[in-house]
Amino acid sequence: MKTCVFRVVVEPDDDRWIAYCPLLKEKGGATWGYTQDEALSNIKEVVEMTVQSMAEHGEPIPDGPSEEVTVFLEANVAVTI
């Protein structure tokens, strides 16, 4: 088991927030929300679904190390404050 932590970008855009994962953007790794928190929650779900789909289709999962993804081979807990 390994844990991959992907960098995401959340930025304001007129009356909403845009969120995307640069490493997965070409695979559909982008979304939006009316608030920053909603956009962040949505991109978390999109990244999970995108990586799961890639794994199911036998596509390689980006596993760094790089500025875009960090991989841990042991269990971790991530906390965003």
N, C-alpha and C. Protein backbone atom coordinates (compact mmCIF):
# COMPACT_ATOMS: atom_id res chain seq x y z
N MET A 1 0.84 -1.18 0.00
CA MET A 1 0.00 0.00 0.00
C MET A 1 0.89 1.24 0.00
N LYS A 2 0.48 2.23 -0.79
CA LYS A 2 1.20 3.49 -0.76
C LYS A 2 0.19 4.63 -0.81
N THR A 3 0.57 5.75 -0.26
CA THR A 3 -0.26 6.94 -0.23
C THR A 3 0.38 7.99 -1.11
N CYS A 4 -0.40 8.53 -2.05
CA CYS A 4 0.08 9.59 -2.93
C CYS A 4 -0.61 10.89 -2.54
N VAL A 5 0.16 11.94 -2.35
CA VAL A 5 -0.39 13.25 -2.04
C VAL A 5 -0.13 14.14 -3.25
N PHE A 6 -1.20 14.57 -3.90
CA PHE A 6 -1.10 15.37 -5.11
C PHE A 6 -1.28 16.85 -4.79
N ARG A 7 -0.47 17.68 -5.41
CA ARG A 7 -0.61 19.13 -5.25
C ARG A 7 -1.84 19.59 -6.04
N VAL A 8 -2.64 20.45 -5.43
CA VAL A 8 -3.79 21.02 -6.12
C VAL A 8 -3.71 22.55 -6.04
N VAL A 9 -4.37 23.19 -6.97
CA VAL A 9 -4.43 24.64 -7.02
C VAL A 9 -5.90 25.04 -6.90
N VAL A 10 -6.19 25.98 -6.01
CA VAL A 10 -7.55 26.51 -5.85
C VAL A 10 -7.45 28.02 -5.97
N GLU A 11 -8.17 28.60 -6.95
CA GLU A 11 -8.08 30.03 -7.19
C GLU A 11 -9.45 30.62 -7.48
N PRO A 12 -9.64 31.89 -7.09
CA PRO A 12 -10.92 32.55 -7.36
C PRO A 12 -11.08 32.84 -8.84
N ASP A 13 -12.34 32.79 -9.32
CA ASP A 13 -12.65 33.07 -10.71
C ASP A 13 -14.05 33.67 -10.77
N ASP A 14 -14.13 34.98 -10.83
CA ASP A 14 -15.41 35.71 -10.82
C ASP A 14 -16.21 35.33 -9.58
N ASP A 15 -17.35 34.67 -9.75
CA ASP A 15 -18.23 34.36 -8.62
C ASP A 15 -18.09 32.92 -8.13
N ARG A 16 -16.97 32.28 -8.45
CA ARG A 16 -16.75 30.90 -8.03
C ARG A 16 -15.26 30.66 -7.82
N TRP A 17 -14.94 29.43 -7.44
CA TRP A 17 -13.55 29.03 -7.23
C TRP A 17 -13.24 27.87 -8.17
N ILE A 18 -12.08 27.92 -8.81
CA ILE A 18 -11.61 26.87 -9.71
C ILE A 18 -10.57 26.05 -8.95
N ALA A 19 -10.62 24.74 -9.11
CA ALA A 19 -9.64 23.86 -8.46
C ALA A 19 -9.16 22.84 -9.49
N TYR A 20 -7.86 22.58 -9.48
CA TYR A 20 -7.33 21.57 -10.39
C TYR A 20 -6.05 20.97 -9.82
N CYS A 21 -5.76 19.79 -10.31
CA CYS A 21 -4.52 19.09 -9.97
C CYS A 21 -3.64 19.15 -11.22
N PRO A 22 -2.56 19.94 -11.21
CA PRO A 22 -1.74 20.10 -12.42
C PRO A 22 -1.30 18.77 -13.04
N LEU A 23 -0.96 17.81 -12.22
CA LEU A 23 -0.47 16.53 -12.73
C LEU A 23 -1.57 15.71 -13.39
N LEU A 24 -2.82 15.94 -13.02
CA LEU A 24 -3.93 15.15 -13.54
C LEU A 24 -4.89 15.97 -14.40
N LYS A 25 -4.56 17.22 -14.68
CA LYS A 25 -5.48 18.10 -15.40
C LYS A 25 -5.86 17.54 -16.77
N GLU A 26 -4.91 16.94 -17.49
CA GLU A 26 -5.20 16.37 -18.80
C GLU A 26 -6.12 15.16 -18.71
N LYS A 27 -6.22 14.56 -17.55
CA LYS A 27 -7.10 13.40 -17.33
C LYS A 27 -8.45 13.83 -16.76
N GLY A 28 -8.70 15.12 -16.70
CA GLY A 28 -9.97 15.61 -16.15
C GLY A 28 -9.88 16.04 -14.71
N GLY A 29 -8.67 16.24 -14.21
CA GLY A 29 -8.46 16.59 -12.80
C GLY A 29 -8.71 18.05 -12.51
N ALA A 30 -9.94 18.52 -12.79
CA ALA A 30 -10.31 19.91 -12.52
C ALA A 30 -11.78 19.98 -12.15
N THR A 31 -12.13 21.00 -11.38
CA THR A 31 -13.52 21.18 -10.96
C THR A 31 -13.69 22.60 -10.46
N TRP A 32 -14.81 22.89 -9.84
CA TRP A 32 -15.07 24.22 -9.30
C TRP A 32 -16.05 24.13 -8.15
N GLY A 33 -16.25 25.24 -7.46
CA GLY A 33 -17.23 25.33 -6.39
C GLY A 33 -17.59 26.78 -6.15
N TYR A 34 -18.71 27.01 -5.48
CA TYR A 34 -19.13 28.38 -5.18
C TYR A 34 -18.28 29.00 -4.09
N THR A 35 -17.66 28.16 -3.25
CA THR A 35 -16.78 28.63 -2.19
C THR A 35 -15.44 27.92 -2.32
N GLN A 36 -14.43 28.45 -1.65
CA GLN A 36 -13.11 27.82 -1.66
C GLN A 36 -13.18 26.42 -1.05
N ASP A 37 -13.91 26.28 0.05
CA ASP A 37 -14.04 24.97 0.70
C ASP A 37 -14.74 23.97 -0.21
N GLU A 38 -15.79 24.42 -0.91
CA GLU A 38 -16.50 23.52 -1.82
C GLU A 38 -15.60 23.07 -2.96
N ALA A 39 -14.83 24.00 -3.53
CA ALA A 39 -13.91 23.65 -4.61
C ALA A 39 -12.85 22.67 -4.12
N LEU A 40 -12.33 22.86 -2.92
CA LEU A 40 -11.33 21.95 -2.36
C LEU A 40 -11.92 20.57 -2.12
N SER A 41 -13.13 20.52 -1.60
CA SER A 41 -13.80 19.23 -1.39
C SER A 41 -14.04 18.53 -2.72
N ASN A 42 -14.46 19.30 -3.72
CA ASN A 42 -14.72 18.72 -5.04
C ASN A 42 -13.45 18.18 -5.69
N ILE A 43 -12.34 18.91 -5.58
CA ILE A 43 -11.11 18.44 -6.23
C ILE A 43 -10.58 17.20 -5.53
N LYS A 44 -10.79 17.08 -4.24
CA LYS A 44 -10.38 15.86 -3.54
C LYS A 44 -11.11 14.66 -4.14
N GLU A 45 -12.41 14.80 -4.35
CA GLU A 45 -13.20 13.71 -4.93
C GLU A 45 -12.76 13.43 -6.37
N VAL A 46 -12.50 14.47 -7.15
CA VAL A 46 -12.08 14.30 -8.54
C VAL A 46 -10.73 13.58 -8.62
N VAL A 47 -9.78 13.97 -7.78
CA VAL A 47 -8.46 13.32 -7.79
C VAL A 47 -8.60 11.85 -7.43
N GLU A 48 -9.39 11.55 -6.40
CA GLU A 48 -9.60 10.15 -6.01
C GLU A 48 -10.21 9.35 -7.16
N MET A 49 -11.24 9.90 -7.82
CA MET A 49 -11.90 9.19 -8.92
C MET A 49 -10.97 9.04 -10.12
N THR A 50 -10.19 10.06 -10.42
CA THR A 50 -9.28 10.01 -11.56
C THR A 50 -8.20 8.95 -11.35
N VAL A 51 -7.59 8.94 -10.17
CA VAL A 51 -6.54 7.95 -9.89
C VAL A 51 -7.12 6.54 -9.87
N GLN A 52 -8.30 6.38 -9.30
CA GLN A 52 -8.95 5.07 -9.28
C GLN A 52 -9.23 4.59 -10.70
N SER A 53 -9.72 5.46 -11.56
CA SER A 53 -9.99 5.10 -12.95
C SER A 53 -8.71 4.72 -13.68
N MET A 54 -7.65 5.48 -13.45
CA MET A 54 -6.37 5.16 -14.08
C MET A 54 -5.89 3.78 -13.65
N ALA A 55 -6.01 3.47 -12.37
CA ALA A 55 -5.59 2.16 -11.85
C ALA A 55 -6.42 1.05 -12.47
N GLU A 56 -7.74 1.26 -12.56
CA GLU A 56 -8.63 0.24 -13.13
C GLU A 56 -8.34 -0.03 -14.60
N HIS A 57 -7.84 0.99 -15.33
CA HIS A 57 -7.55 0.84 -16.75
C HIS A 57 -6.08 0.51 -17.02
N GLY A 58 -5.34 0.22 -15.96
CA GLY A 58 -3.94 -0.18 -16.12
C GLY A 58 -3.01 0.95 -16.51
N GLU A 59 -3.45 2.18 -16.33
CA GLU A 59 -2.60 3.32 -16.65
C GLU A 59 -1.64 3.58 -15.49
N PRO A 60 -0.43 4.03 -15.79
CA PRO A 60 0.52 4.31 -14.70
C PRO A 60 0.04 5.48 -13.84
N ILE A 61 0.17 5.31 -12.55
CA ILE A 61 -0.18 6.36 -11.60
C ILE A 61 1.08 7.18 -11.32
N PRO A 62 1.03 8.49 -11.50
CA PRO A 62 2.21 9.31 -11.19
C PRO A 62 2.62 9.09 -9.74
N ASP A 63 3.88 8.75 -9.53
CA ASP A 63 4.29 8.45 -8.15
C ASP A 63 5.57 9.15 -7.75
N GLY A 64 5.84 10.28 -8.39
CA GLY A 64 6.94 11.16 -7.99
C GLY A 64 8.25 10.46 -7.71
N PRO A 65 9.11 11.00 -6.89
CA PRO A 65 8.88 12.26 -6.19
C PRO A 65 9.04 13.46 -7.12
N SER A 66 8.24 14.45 -6.89
CA SER A 66 8.32 15.70 -7.63
C SER A 66 7.59 16.77 -6.83
N GLU A 67 7.52 17.96 -7.38
CA GLU A 67 6.77 19.03 -6.71
C GLU A 67 5.27 18.77 -6.80
N GLU A 68 4.85 17.89 -7.72
CA GLU A 68 3.43 17.66 -7.97
C GLU A 68 2.84 16.51 -7.17
N VAL A 69 3.66 15.57 -6.75
CA VAL A 69 3.14 14.42 -6.00
C VAL A 69 4.20 13.93 -5.02
N THR A 70 3.75 13.56 -3.84
CA THR A 70 4.61 12.96 -2.83
C THR A 70 4.04 11.59 -2.52
N VAL A 71 4.89 10.59 -2.43
CA VAL A 71 4.45 9.22 -2.19
C VAL A 71 5.01 8.74 -0.86
N PHE A 72 4.12 8.15 -0.06
CA PHE A 72 4.51 7.55 1.21
C PHE A 72 4.23 6.06 1.13
N LEU A 73 5.18 5.25 1.52
CA LEU A 73 4.98 3.80 1.49
C LEU A 73 4.38 3.28 2.77
N GLU A 74 4.23 4.13 3.77
CA GLU A 74 3.59 3.74 5.02
C GLU A 74 2.30 4.55 5.16
N ALA A 75 1.44 4.12 6.06
CA ALA A 75 0.17 4.82 6.28
C ALA A 75 0.43 6.20 6.86
N ASN A 76 -0.35 7.18 6.43
CA ASN A 76 -0.21 8.55 6.90
C ASN A 76 -1.57 9.17 7.11
N VAL A 77 -1.58 10.24 7.86
CA VAL A 77 -2.77 11.05 8.04
C VAL A 77 -2.39 12.46 7.62
N ALA A 78 -3.15 13.04 6.70
CA ALA A 78 -2.90 14.40 6.25
C ALA A 78 -3.91 15.33 6.91
N VAL A 79 -3.43 16.44 7.41
CA VAL A 79 -4.29 17.43 8.03
C VAL A 79 -4.01 18.77 7.37
N THR A 80 -5.04 19.42 6.86
CA THR A 80 -4.90 20.73 6.24
C THR A 80 -5.49 21.76 7.19
N ILE A 81 -4.68 22.77 7.55
CA ILE A 81 -5.18 23.80 8.46
C ILE A 81 -5.07 25.17 7.83
